[in-house]
Amino acid sequence: MMGAMKRRFVLAGIAVAGALLAGCGGNTGQPAAKHSSVPASAWKPKPLPWDRPADQQAQVKAAGLSLTRQEQLTVHYHAHLDVFVNGRHVTVPPGLGINIGPDGQAPPHGSPGIAPLHTHEPDGVLHIEAPRASTFTLGQAFVEWGVRLTAHQAGAYRPLRVYVNGHRFSGNPADVVLKAHREIAVVAGTGKVQVPASYDFPPGE
């Protein structure tokens, strides 16, 4: 699907040596939880692969969000996330923020199953579907993913650069606000990559 998308790129190089390091209770109507309030267990500085954590109910709660029985479409928009580690593109897993089992099946009828911030496909599209206006952040998406994101690293990889619509973001990447059709690129480790400055969303997204 990625190859079919028309995109605009800017070239960015990471020349600093990278290093491996050791290392649902919220209300969706409230401001997004800050990364400092996330339990340490949700911030694992792990090396690749970064698979989807099976217990999404715990990850969603750690992100300061809550699960509902179905998608809430009062607020509905999409952002896009690209992740690069050591010059290679990393797939954002489908099913982040969705309480499905390892077999891909939805939870039993009546069980809460989906967060207002989630992914459906391995295409990097972040779906924001909420009952009311709120602030959702890149940090929350990474908590659902179970991957540590700080000002200096993603997972176990340094150095880190983050771009929003092709422009370097100078603050803490966990605080990047998800907005409609915003293209976010997280570049960790070494190597040169072509940083996308936009994403061609399919009609309706």
C-alpha atoms as a PDB file:
ATOM      1  CA  MET A   1       0.000   0.000   0.000  1.00  0.00           C
ATOM      2  CA  MET A   2       2.905   2.300   0.772  1.00  0.00           C
ATOM      3  CA  GLY A   3       4.199   2.096  -2.769  1.00  0.00           C
ATOM      4  CA  ALA A   4       0.904   3.342  -4.147  1.00  0.00           C
ATOM      5  CA  MET A   5       0.952   6.507  -2.098  1.00  0.00           C
ATOM      6  CA  LYS A   6       2.123   9.759  -3.639  1.00  0.00           C
ATOM      7  CA  ARG A   7       4.407  11.486  -1.176  1.00  0.00           C
ATOM      8  CA  ARG A   8       6.731  14.450  -0.860  1.00  0.00           C
ATOM      9  CA  PHE A   9      10.105  13.919   0.774  1.00  0.00           C
ATOM     10  CA  VAL A  10      12.941  15.885   2.318  1.00  0.00           C
ATOM     11  CA  LEU A  11      16.398  14.363   2.793  1.00  0.00           C
ATOM     12  CA  ALA A  12      17.699  14.024   6.328  1.00  0.00           C
ATOM     13  CA  GLY A  13      20.920  12.403   7.519  1.00  0.00           C
ATOM     14  CA  ILE A  14      21.740  10.989  10.936  1.00  0.00           C
ATOM     15  CA  ALA A  15      25.517  10.820  11.231  1.00  0.00           C
ATOM     16  CA  VAL A  16      25.966  10.462  14.973  1.00  0.00           C
ATOM     17  CA  ALA A  17      26.826   6.949  16.138  1.00  0.00           C
ATOM     18  CA  GLY A  18      23.804   5.063  17.473  1.00  0.00           C
ATOM     19  CA  ALA A  19      23.850   2.858  20.535  1.00  0.00           C
ATOM     20  CA  LEU A  20      21.713   0.141  22.019  1.00  0.00           C
ATOM     21  CA  LEU A  21      20.673   0.908  25.573  1.00  0.00           C
ATOM     22  CA  ALA A  22      19.730  -1.417  28.366  1.00  0.00           C
ATOM     23  CA  GLY A  23      16.996  -0.725  28.826  1.00  0.00           C
ATOM     24  CA  CYS A  24      -8.175   1.779  30.847  1.00  0.00           C
ATOM     25  CA  GLY A  25      -8.771   4.252  33.314  1.00  0.00           C
ATOM     26  CA  GLY A  26      -8.492   7.657  31.603  1.00  0.00           C
ATOM     27  CA  ASN A  27     -11.210   9.966  30.378  1.00  0.00           C
ATOM     28  CA  THR A  28     -11.026  10.718  26.670  1.00  0.00           C
ATOM     29  CA  GLY A  29     -12.644  14.077  27.311  1.00  0.00           C
ATOM     30  CA  GLN A  30      -9.653  15.245  29.319  1.00  0.00           C
ATOM     31  CA  PRO A  31      -6.296  16.505  28.017  1.00  0.00           C
ATOM     32  CA  ALA A  32      -3.884  13.802  26.965  1.00  0.00           C
ATOM     33  CA  ALA A  33      -1.759  12.239  29.677  1.00  0.00           C
ATOM     34  CA  LYS A  34       1.816  13.512  29.825  1.00  0.00           C
ATOM     35  CA  HIS A  35       4.585  11.010  29.214  1.00  0.00           C
ATOM     36  CA  SER A  36       5.941  11.600  32.732  1.00  0.00           C
ATOM     37  CA  SER A  37       2.802  10.015  34.224  1.00  0.00           C
ATOM     38  CA  VAL A  38       3.215   6.771  32.274  1.00  0.00           C
ATOM     39  CA  PRO A  39       4.357   3.780  34.370  1.00  0.00           C
ATOM     40  CA  ALA A  40       7.896   2.592  33.738  1.00  0.00           C
ATOM     41  CA  SER A  41       6.545  -0.777  32.599  1.00  0.00           C
ATOM     42  CA  ALA A  42       5.029   0.916  29.547  1.00  0.00           C
ATOM     43  CA  TRP A  43       8.379   2.422  28.514  1.00  0.00           C
ATOM     44  CA  LYS A  44      10.622  -0.422  27.423  1.00  0.00           C
ATOM     45  CA  PRO A  45      13.878   0.686  25.738  1.00  0.00           C
ATOM     46  CA  LYS A  46      13.876  -2.488  23.680  1.00  0.00           C
ATOM     47  CA  PRO A  47      15.576  -3.309  20.388  1.00  0.00           C
ATOM     48  CA  LEU A  48      13.655  -4.346  17.306  1.00  0.00           C
ATOM     49  CA  PRO A  49      11.331  -6.032  16.538  1.00  0.00           C
ATOM     50  CA  TRP A  50       8.659  -3.808  18.046  1.00  0.00           C
ATOM     51  CA  ASP A  51       5.608  -6.030  17.968  1.00  0.00           C
ATOM     52  CA  ARG A  52       2.141  -5.079  19.140  1.00  0.00           C
ATOM     53  CA  PRO A  53       1.761  -5.777  22.882  1.00  0.00           C
ATOM     54  CA  ALA A  54      -0.935  -8.388  23.407  1.00  0.00           C
ATOM     55  CA  ASP A  55      -2.459  -6.672  26.451  1.00  0.00           C
ATOM     56  CA  GLN A  56      -3.770  -3.544  24.769  1.00  0.00           C
ATOM     57  CA  GLN A  57      -6.155  -2.907  27.650  1.00  0.00           C
ATOM     58  CA  ALA A  58      -3.150  -2.281  29.922  1.00  0.00           C
ATOM     59  CA  GLN A  59      -1.316  -0.209  27.311  1.00  0.00           C
ATOM     60  CA  VAL A  60      -4.373   1.945  26.626  1.00  0.00           C
ATOM     61  CA  LYS A  61      -4.800   2.575  30.344  1.00  0.00           C
ATOM     62  CA  ALA A  62      -1.110   3.480  30.643  1.00  0.00           C
ATOM     63  CA  ALA A  63      -1.603   6.006  27.843  1.00  0.00           C
ATOM     64  CA  GLY A  64      -4.327   7.722  29.853  1.00  0.00           C
ATOM     65  CA  LEU A  65      -7.109   6.564  27.548  1.00  0.00           C
ATOM     66  CA  SER A  66     -10.039   4.197  27.877  1.00  0.00           C
ATOM     67  CA  LEU A  67     -11.682   1.492  25.797  1.00  0.00           C
ATOM     68  CA  THR A  68     -15.257   1.649  24.523  1.00  0.00           C
ATOM     69  CA  ARG A  69     -17.486  -0.998  22.963  1.00  0.00           C
ATOM     70  CA  GLN A  70     -17.396   0.619  19.539  1.00  0.00           C
ATOM     71  CA  GLU A  71     -15.803   3.474  17.654  1.00  0.00           C
ATOM     72  CA  GLN A  72     -16.969   6.950  18.615  1.00  0.00           C
ATOM     73  CA  LEU A  73     -17.116   9.250  15.595  1.00  0.00           C
ATOM     74  CA  THR A  74     -18.094  12.624  17.037  1.00  0.00           C
ATOM     75  CA  VAL A  75     -14.448  13.612  16.516  1.00  0.00           C
ATOM     76  CA  HIS A  76     -12.923  11.793  13.554  1.00  0.00           C
ATOM     77  CA  TYR A  77      -9.614  12.469  11.787  1.00  0.00           C
ATOM     78  CA  HIS A  78      -6.345  10.777  10.881  1.00  0.00           C
ATOM     79  CA  ALA A  79      -2.637  11.459  11.170  1.00  0.00           C
ATOM     80  CA  HIS A  80       0.220   9.428   9.718  1.00  0.00           C
ATOM     81  CA  LEU A  81       3.337   8.013  11.380  1.00  0.00           C
ATOM     82  CA  ASP A  82       6.546   6.863   9.707  1.00  0.00           C
ATOM     83  CA  VAL A  83       9.279   5.273  11.829  1.00  0.00           C
ATOM     84  CA  PHE A  84      12.862   4.679  10.684  1.00  0.00           C
ATOM     85  CA  VAL A  85      15.558   2.841  12.653  1.00  0.00           C
ATOM     86  CA  ASN A  86      19.134   2.765  11.376  1.00  0.00           C
ATOM     87  CA  GLY A  87      17.949   3.833   7.945  1.00  0.00           C
ATOM     88  CA  ARG A  88      15.224   1.185   7.622  1.00  0.00           C
ATOM     89  CA  HIS A  89      11.475   1.709   7.670  1.00  0.00           C
ATOM     90  CA  VAL A  90       9.701   0.098  10.635  1.00  0.00           C
ATOM     91  CA  THR A  91       6.078  -0.990  10.289  1.00  0.00           C
ATOM     92  CA  VAL A  92       3.609   0.481  12.759  1.00  0.00           C
ATOM     93  CA  PRO A  93       1.561  -2.543  13.887  1.00  0.00           C
ATOM     94  CA  PRO A  94      -2.150  -2.834  13.207  1.00  0.00           C
ATOM     95  CA  GLY A  95      -4.432  -3.184  16.204  1.00  0.00           C
ATOM     96  CA  LEU A  96      -2.779  -0.686  18.517  1.00  0.00           C
ATOM     97  CA  GLY A  97      -5.452   0.600  20.885  1.00  0.00           C
ATOM     98  CA  ILE A  98      -7.785  -2.260  19.978  1.00  0.00           C
ATOM     99  CA  ASN A  99      -8.379  -5.006  22.525  1.00  0.00           C
ATOM    100  CA  ILE A 100      -8.211  -7.966  20.161  1.00  0.00           C
ATOM    101  CA  GLY A 101      -6.724 -11.308  21.041  1.00  0.00           C
ATOM    102  CA  PRO A 102      -3.570 -12.849  19.532  1.00  0.00           C
ATOM    103  CA  ASP A 103      -5.794 -14.687  17.048  1.00  0.00           C
ATOM    104  CA  GLY A 104      -7.030 -11.336  15.732  1.00  0.00           C
ATOM    105  CA  GLN A 105     -10.531 -11.819  17.107  1.00  0.00           C
ATOM    106  CA  ALA A 106     -12.499  -9.026  18.755  1.00  0.00           C
ATOM    107  CA  PRO A 107     -13.345  -9.356  22.455  1.00  0.00           C
ATOM    108  CA  PRO A 108     -16.643 -10.986  23.536  1.00  0.00           C
ATOM    109  CA  HIS A 109     -19.830  -9.077  22.889  1.00  0.00           C
ATOM    110  CA  GLY A 110     -20.264  -6.248  25.385  1.00  0.00           C
ATOM    111  CA  SER A 111     -16.586  -6.037  26.310  1.00  0.00           C
ATOM    112  CA  PRO A 112     -14.893  -2.688  25.783  1.00  0.00           C
ATOM    113  CA  GLY A 113     -12.563  -3.072  22.863  1.00  0.00           C
ATOM    114  CA  ILE A 114     -11.323   0.133  21.194  1.00  0.00           C
ATOM    115  CA  ALA A 115      -9.556   3.324  22.254  1.00  0.00           C
ATOM    116  CA  PRO A 116     -10.091   6.739  20.647  1.00  0.00           C
ATOM    117  CA  LEU A 117      -6.508   6.519  19.307  1.00  0.00           C
ATOM    118  CA  HIS A 118      -5.816   3.322  17.381  1.00  0.00           C
ATOM    119  CA  THR A 119      -4.489   1.695  14.213  1.00  0.00           C
ATOM    120  CA  HIS A 120      -6.312  -0.655  11.853  1.00  0.00           C
ATOM    121  CA  GLU A 121      -3.765  -1.508   9.155  1.00  0.00           C
ATOM    122  CA  PRO A 122       0.059  -1.720   8.982  1.00  0.00           C
ATOM    123  CA  ASP A 123       0.093   1.533   6.995  1.00  0.00           C
ATOM    124  CA  GLY A 124       1.053   3.998   9.744  1.00  0.00           C
ATOM    125  CA  VAL A 125      -2.329   5.729   9.741  1.00  0.00           C
ATOM    126  CA  LEU A 126      -3.286   6.807  13.264  1.00  0.00           C
ATOM    127  CA  HIS A 127      -7.058   6.880  13.677  1.00  0.00           C
ATOM    128  CA  ILE A 128      -8.540   9.394  16.101  1.00  0.00           C
ATOM    129  CA  GLU A 129     -12.201   8.583  16.690  1.00  0.00           C
ATOM    130  CA  ALA A 130     -13.460  10.094  19.930  1.00  0.00           C
ATOM    131  CA  PRO A 131     -16.752  11.067  21.582  1.00  0.00           C
ATOM    132  CA  ARG A 132     -15.563  14.628  22.212  1.00  0.00           C
ATOM    133  CA  ALA A 133     -12.734  17.024  21.360  1.00  0.00           C
ATOM    134  CA  SER A 134      -9.512  16.264  23.187  1.00  0.00           C
ATOM    135  CA  THR A 135      -5.754  16.287  22.695  1.00  0.00           C
ATOM    136  CA  PHE A 136      -4.008  13.126  21.542  1.00  0.00           C
ATOM    137  CA  THR A 137      -0.241  12.832  21.293  1.00  0.00           C
ATOM    138  CA  LEU A 138       2.509  10.825  19.649  1.00  0.00           C
ATOM    139  CA  GLY A 139       3.578   9.719  23.116  1.00  0.00           C
ATOM    140  CA  GLN A 140       0.237   8.007  23.651  1.00  0.00           C
ATOM    141  CA  ALA A 141       0.584   6.110  20.380  1.00  0.00           C
ATOM    142  CA  PHE A 142       4.030   4.869  21.446  1.00  0.00           C
ATOM    143  CA  VAL A 143       2.705   3.806  24.844  1.00  0.00           C
ATOM    144  CA  GLU A 144       0.029   1.726  23.114  1.00  0.00           C
ATOM    145  CA  TRP A 145       2.888   0.295  21.057  1.00  0.00           C
ATOM    146  CA  GLY A 146       4.907  -0.408  24.218  1.00  0.00           C
ATOM    147  CA  VAL A 147       7.964   1.393  22.832  1.00  0.00           C
ATOM    148  CA  ARG A 148       9.866   3.995  24.810  1.00  0.00           C
ATOM    149  CA  LEU A 149       9.906   7.459  23.257  1.00  0.00           C
ATOM    150  CA  THR A 150      11.907  10.259  24.871  1.00  0.00           C
ATOM    151  CA  ALA A 151      13.667  13.407  23.713  1.00  0.00           C
ATOM    152  CA  HIS A 152      16.742  11.322  22.890  1.00  0.00           C
ATOM    153  CA  GLN A 153      15.669   7.829  21.898  1.00  0.00           C
ATOM    154  CA  ALA A 154      13.024   5.528  20.461  1.00  0.00           C
ATOM    155  CA  GLY A 155      13.089   2.044  21.914  1.00  0.00           C
ATOM    156  CA  ALA A 156      16.757   1.205  22.368  1.00  0.00           C
ATOM    157  CA  TYR A 157      18.005   3.497  19.621  1.00  0.00           C
ATOM    158  CA  ARG A 158      19.813   6.830  19.634  1.00  0.00           C
ATOM    159  CA  PRO A 159      20.189   9.509  18.369  1.00  0.00           C
ATOM    160  CA  LEU A 160      16.648  10.623  17.616  1.00  0.00           C
ATOM    161  CA  ARG A 161      15.162  13.122  15.186  1.00  0.00           C
ATOM    162  CA  VAL A 162      11.443  13.833  14.802  1.00  0.00           C
ATOM    163  CA  TYR A 163       9.833  15.686  11.906  1.00  0.00           C
ATOM    164  CA  VAL A 164       6.338  17.088  11.520  1.00  0.00           C
ATOM    165  CA  ASN A 165       5.283  17.708   7.917  1.00  0.00           C
ATOM    166  CA  GLY A 166       8.955  17.588   6.956  1.00  0.00           C
ATOM    167  CA  HIS A 167      10.089  20.129   9.543  1.00  0.00           C
ATOM    168  CA  ARG A 168      12.321  19.214  12.473  1.00  0.00           C
ATOM    169  CA  PHE A 169      10.471  19.160  15.802  1.00  0.00           C
ATOM    170  CA  SER A 170      12.604  20.644  18.571  1.00  0.00           C
ATOM    171  CA  GLY A 171      10.563  19.703  21.648  1.00  0.00           C
ATOM    172  CA  ASN A 172       9.914  16.386  23.344  1.00  0.00           C
ATOM    173  CA  PRO A 173       8.551  14.070  20.638  1.00  0.00           C
ATOM    174  CA  ALA A 174       6.080  12.522  23.077  1.00  0.00           C
ATOM    175  CA  ASP A 175       4.323  15.894  23.135  1.00  0.00           C
ATOM    176  CA  VAL A 176       3.716  16.080  19.366  1.00  0.00           C
ATOM    177  CA  VAL A 177      -0.024  16.640  18.989  1.00  0.00           C
ATOM    178  CA  LEU A 178      -1.856  14.482  16.473  1.00  0.00           C
ATOM    179  CA  LYS A 179      -3.796  16.630  14.021  1.00  0.00           C
ATOM    180  CA  ALA A 180      -5.744  15.925  10.866  1.00  0.00           C
ATOM    181  CA  HIS A 181      -3.480  14.791   8.007  1.00  0.00           C
ATOM    182  CA  ARG A 182      -0.309  15.584   9.946  1.00  0.00           C
ATOM    183  CA  GLU A 183       2.708  13.584   8.779  1.00  0.00           C
ATOM    184  CA  ILE A 184       5.050  12.609  11.611  1.00  0.00           C
ATOM    185  CA  ALA A 185       8.401  10.925  11.021  1.00  0.00           C
ATOM    186  CA  VAL A 186      10.451   9.407  13.845  1.00  0.00           C
ATOM    187  CA  VAL A 187      14.055   8.755  12.810  1.00  0.00           C
ATOM    188  CA  ALA A 188      16.256   6.837  15.253  1.00  0.00           C
ATOM    189  CA  GLY A 189      19.790   5.497  15.055  1.00  0.00           C
ATOM    190  CA  THR A 190      22.222   6.007  12.202  1.00  0.00           C
ATOM    191  CA  GLY A 191      21.967   6.228   8.432  1.00  0.00           C
ATOM    192  CA  LYS A 192      20.293   8.537   5.940  1.00  0.00           C
ATOM    193  CA  VAL A 193      16.601   8.396   5.182  1.00  0.00           C
ATOM    194  CA  GLN A 194      14.190  10.303   2.999  1.00  0.00           C
ATOM    195  CA  VAL A 195      11.898  11.930   5.505  1.00  0.00           C
ATOM    196  CA  PRO A 196       8.338  12.215   4.174  1.00  0.00           C
ATOM    197  CA  ALA A 197       6.880  15.708   4.361  1.00  0.00           C
ATOM    198  CA  SER A 198       3.329  14.595   3.578  1.00  0.00           C
ATOM    199  CA  TYR A 199       1.129  11.556   3.155  1.00  0.00           C
ATOM    200  CA  ASP A 200      -1.525  11.052   0.512  1.00  0.00           C
ATOM    201  CA  PHE A 201      -4.493   9.844   2.529  1.00  0.00           C
ATOM    202  CA  PRO A 202      -7.056   7.709   0.704  1.00  0.00           C
ATOM    203  CA  PRO A 203     -10.386   9.367  -0.071  1.00  0.00           C
ATOM    204  CA  GLY A 204     -12.494   9.621   3.049  1.00  0.00           C
ATOM    205  CA  GLU A 205      -9.584   9.675   5.428  1.00  0.00           C
END
